[in-house]
C-alpha cells in the first residue's frame, strides 16, 4: 500500500461511529452554556468529548497499580 492509501485507511479507522446521548438538568445546562460562552468554545461537541476523555484517562492513570503499592 502506498502512503495515500494508508492515510485514508487510518482516517476511516478513526471515524466516530458510536453515538452516546446524555441529559443535563437546568443547572448543569446553564453552567455548560455559561462556560462555553465565557471561554469562547467554538465546538461544543469537541469540548465535551475532550473533557470527558480527559477525565476518564486521568482516572485510569490514578487507578493503575504501581510497583510500591
N, C-alpha and C. Protein backbone atom coordinates (compact mmCIF):
# COMPACT_ATOMS: atom_id res chain seq x y z
N UNK A 1 0.83 -1.18 0.00
CA UNK A 1 0.00 0.00 0.00
C UNK A 1 0.87 1.24 0.00
N UNK A 2 0.50 2.18 -0.84
CA UNK A 2 1.27 3.42 -0.82
C UNK A 2 0.79 4.32 0.32
N UNK A 3 1.48 5.44 0.50
CA UNK A 3 1.22 6.32 1.65
C UNK A 3 -0.20 6.87 1.64
N UNK A 4 -0.72 7.27 0.48
CA UNK A 4 -2.04 7.87 0.45
C UNK A 4 -3.12 6.87 0.83
N UNK A 5 -2.98 5.61 0.42
CA UNK A 5 -3.97 4.60 0.80
C UNK A 5 -3.91 4.30 2.29
N UNK A 6 -2.71 4.28 2.85
CA UNK A 6 -2.58 4.06 4.29
C UNK A 6 -3.22 5.21 5.07
N UNK A 7 -3.01 6.43 4.60
CA UNK A 7 -3.57 7.60 5.28
C UNK A 7 -5.09 7.55 5.25
N UNK A 8 -5.67 7.17 4.12
CA UNK A 8 -7.12 7.08 4.01
C UNK A 8 -7.65 5.99 4.95
N UNK A 9 -6.98 4.85 4.99
CA UNK A 9 -7.40 3.76 5.86
C UNK A 9 -7.32 4.18 7.33
N UNK A 10 -6.26 4.87 7.72
CA UNK A 10 -6.12 5.33 9.09
C UNK A 10 -7.22 6.32 9.45
N UNK A 11 -7.56 7.20 8.53
CA UNK A 11 -8.61 8.17 8.79
C UNK A 11 -9.96 7.48 8.95
N UNK A 12 -10.24 6.46 8.15
CA UNK A 12 -11.51 5.74 8.25
C UNK A 12 -11.60 4.98 9.56
N UNK A 13 -10.48 4.49 10.06
CA UNK A 13 -10.48 3.77 11.33
C UNK A 13 -10.82 4.69 12.49
N UNK A 14 -10.58 5.97 12.34
CA UNK A 14 -10.81 6.92 13.43
C UNK A 14 -12.16 7.63 13.32
N UNK A 15 -13.00 7.24 12.36
CA UNK A 15 -14.31 7.86 12.25
C UNK A 15 -15.13 7.57 13.49
N UNK A 16 -15.88 8.54 13.92
CA UNK A 16 -16.73 8.37 15.09
C UNK A 16 -18.04 7.72 14.65
N UNK A 17 -18.23 6.48 15.05
CA UNK A 17 -19.42 5.73 14.64
C UNK A 17 -20.36 5.47 15.80
N UNK A 18 -19.91 5.66 17.01
CA UNK A 18 -20.68 5.31 18.19
C UNK A 18 -21.26 6.56 18.83
N UNK A 19 -22.58 6.58 18.92
CA UNK A 19 -23.27 7.75 19.43
C UNK A 19 -23.67 7.52 20.88
N UNK A 20 -23.45 8.51 21.72
CA UNK A 20 -23.87 8.46 23.12
C UNK A 20 -24.70 9.71 23.41
N UNK A 21 -25.71 9.51 24.17
CA UNK A 21 -26.63 10.60 24.49
C UNK A 21 -26.70 10.75 26.00
N UNK A 22 -26.66 11.97 26.48
CA UNK A 22 -26.84 12.20 27.91
C UNK A 22 -27.70 13.44 28.10
N UNK A 23 -28.33 13.50 29.24
CA UNK A 23 -29.27 14.58 29.52
C UNK A 23 -28.77 15.37 30.72
N UNK A 24 -28.89 16.69 30.64
CA UNK A 24 -28.49 17.58 31.73
C UNK A 24 -29.72 18.21 32.36
N UNK A 25 -29.62 18.51 33.65
CA UNK A 25 -30.70 19.28 34.27
C UNK A 25 -30.47 20.76 33.95
N UNK A 26 -31.37 21.62 34.39
CA UNK A 26 -31.28 23.05 34.06
C UNK A 26 -30.00 23.69 34.59
N UNK A 27 -29.62 23.37 35.82
CA UNK A 27 -28.42 23.98 36.40
C UNK A 27 -27.16 23.54 35.65
N UNK A 28 -27.07 22.25 35.32
CA UNK A 28 -25.91 21.74 34.58
C UNK A 28 -25.85 22.36 33.18
N UNK A 29 -26.99 22.47 32.54
CA UNK A 29 -27.04 23.07 31.20
C UNK A 29 -26.64 24.53 31.24
N UNK A 30 -27.12 25.25 32.23
CA UNK A 30 -26.75 26.67 32.37
C UNK A 30 -25.26 26.82 32.61
N UNK A 31 -24.69 25.96 33.46
CA UNK A 31 -23.26 26.01 33.74
C UNK A 31 -22.45 25.73 32.47
N UNK A 32 -22.85 24.71 31.73
CA UNK A 32 -22.15 24.36 30.49
C UNK A 32 -22.23 25.52 29.48
N UNK A 33 -23.41 26.06 29.29
CA UNK A 33 -23.57 27.16 28.35
C UNK A 33 -22.80 28.41 28.78
N UNK A 34 -22.78 28.67 30.09
CA UNK A 34 -22.01 29.81 30.60
C UNK A 34 -20.52 29.62 30.34
N UNK A 35 -20.01 28.42 30.60
CA UNK A 35 -18.59 28.12 30.36
C UNK A 35 -18.27 28.29 28.88
N UNK A 36 -19.11 27.75 28.03
CA UNK A 36 -18.88 27.81 26.58
C UNK A 36 -18.85 29.25 26.08
N UNK A 37 -19.76 30.07 26.58
CA UNK A 37 -19.76 31.46 26.14
C UNK A 37 -18.62 32.26 26.77
N UNK A 38 -18.32 32.00 28.05
CA UNK A 38 -17.27 32.75 28.74
C UNK A 38 -15.90 32.46 28.16
N UNK A 39 -15.63 31.20 27.83
CA UNK A 39 -14.31 30.83 27.31
C UNK A 39 -14.29 30.67 25.80
N UNK A 40 -15.34 31.12 25.16
CA UNK A 40 -15.45 31.16 23.69
C UNK A 40 -15.11 29.81 23.04
N UNK A 41 -15.77 28.76 23.53
CA UNK A 41 -15.60 27.43 22.95
C UNK A 41 -16.33 27.43 21.62
N UNK A 42 -15.60 27.09 20.55
CA UNK A 42 -16.21 27.15 19.22
C UNK A 42 -16.90 25.86 18.82
N UNK A 43 -16.51 24.74 19.42
CA UNK A 43 -17.09 23.46 19.06
C UNK A 43 -17.52 22.74 20.34
N UNK A 44 -18.80 22.80 20.64
CA UNK A 44 -19.34 22.24 21.88
C UNK A 44 -19.12 20.73 21.96
N UNK A 45 -19.38 20.03 20.89
CA UNK A 45 -19.23 18.58 20.86
C UNK A 45 -17.78 18.17 21.13
N UNK A 46 -16.84 18.85 20.48
CA UNK A 46 -15.43 18.55 20.67
C UNK A 46 -15.02 18.84 22.12
N UNK A 47 -15.50 19.95 22.67
CA UNK A 47 -15.18 20.31 24.04
C UNK A 47 -15.67 19.24 25.02
N UNK A 48 -16.92 18.81 24.88
CA UNK A 48 -17.48 17.80 25.78
C UNK A 48 -16.72 16.49 25.63
N UNK A 49 -16.45 16.08 24.40
CA UNK A 49 -15.75 14.82 24.14
C UNK A 49 -14.35 14.85 24.76
N UNK A 50 -13.60 15.92 24.54
CA UNK A 50 -12.23 16.02 25.06
C UNK A 50 -12.22 16.09 26.58
N UNK A 51 -13.16 16.82 27.16
CA UNK A 51 -13.23 16.94 28.61
C UNK A 51 -13.57 15.60 29.25
N UNK A 52 -14.51 14.89 28.67
CA UNK A 52 -14.90 13.58 29.17
C UNK A 52 -13.74 12.59 29.07
N UNK A 53 -13.09 12.53 27.92
CA UNK A 53 -11.98 11.59 27.75
C UNK A 53 -10.81 11.94 28.65
N UNK A 54 -10.58 13.22 28.88
CA UNK A 54 -9.51 13.64 29.78
C UNK A 54 -9.78 13.15 31.21
N UNK A 55 -11.02 13.25 31.66
CA UNK A 55 -11.38 12.76 32.99
C UNK A 55 -11.23 11.25 33.08
N UNK A 56 -11.64 10.54 32.04
CA UNK A 56 -11.54 9.08 32.02
C UNK A 56 -10.08 8.64 32.05
N UNK A 57 -9.25 9.23 31.21
CA UNK A 57 -7.84 8.85 31.17
C UNK A 57 -7.12 9.18 32.48
N UNK A 58 -7.49 10.30 33.10
CA UNK A 58 -6.89 10.66 34.38
C UNK A 58 -7.25 9.62 35.44
N UNK A 59 -8.49 9.17 35.45
CA UNK A 59 -8.92 8.15 36.41
C UNK A 59 -8.20 6.83 36.17
N UNK A 60 -8.05 6.44 34.90
CA UNK A 60 -7.30 5.23 34.57
C UNK A 60 -5.87 5.33 35.09
N UNK A 61 -5.26 6.49 34.91
CA UNK A 61 -3.88 6.70 35.35
C UNK A 61 -3.77 6.61 36.87
N UNK A 62 -4.75 7.17 37.56
CA UNK A 62 -4.75 7.11 39.04
C UNK A 62 -4.94 5.68 39.54
N UNK A 63 -5.71 4.89 38.82
CA UNK A 63 -6.04 3.53 39.25
C UNK A 63 -5.00 2.50 38.83
N UNK A 64 -4.03 2.90 38.04
CA UNK A 64 -3.00 1.96 37.59
C UNK A 64 -2.14 1.53 38.77
N UNK A 65 -1.97 0.22 38.94
CA UNK A 65 -1.12 -0.23 40.06
C UNK A 65 0.33 0.20 39.85
N UNK A 66 0.98 0.52 40.94
CA UNK A 66 2.39 0.90 40.87
C UNK A 66 3.22 -0.15 41.60
N UNK A 67 4.49 -0.08 41.44
CA UNK A 67 5.39 -1.08 42.00
C UNK A 67 5.34 -1.12 43.53
N UNK A 68 5.20 0.03 44.17
CA UNK A 68 5.28 0.09 45.63
C UNK A 68 3.93 0.31 46.31
N UNK A 69 2.84 -0.13 45.71
CA UNK A 69 1.52 -0.01 46.35
C UNK A 69 1.33 -1.04 47.43
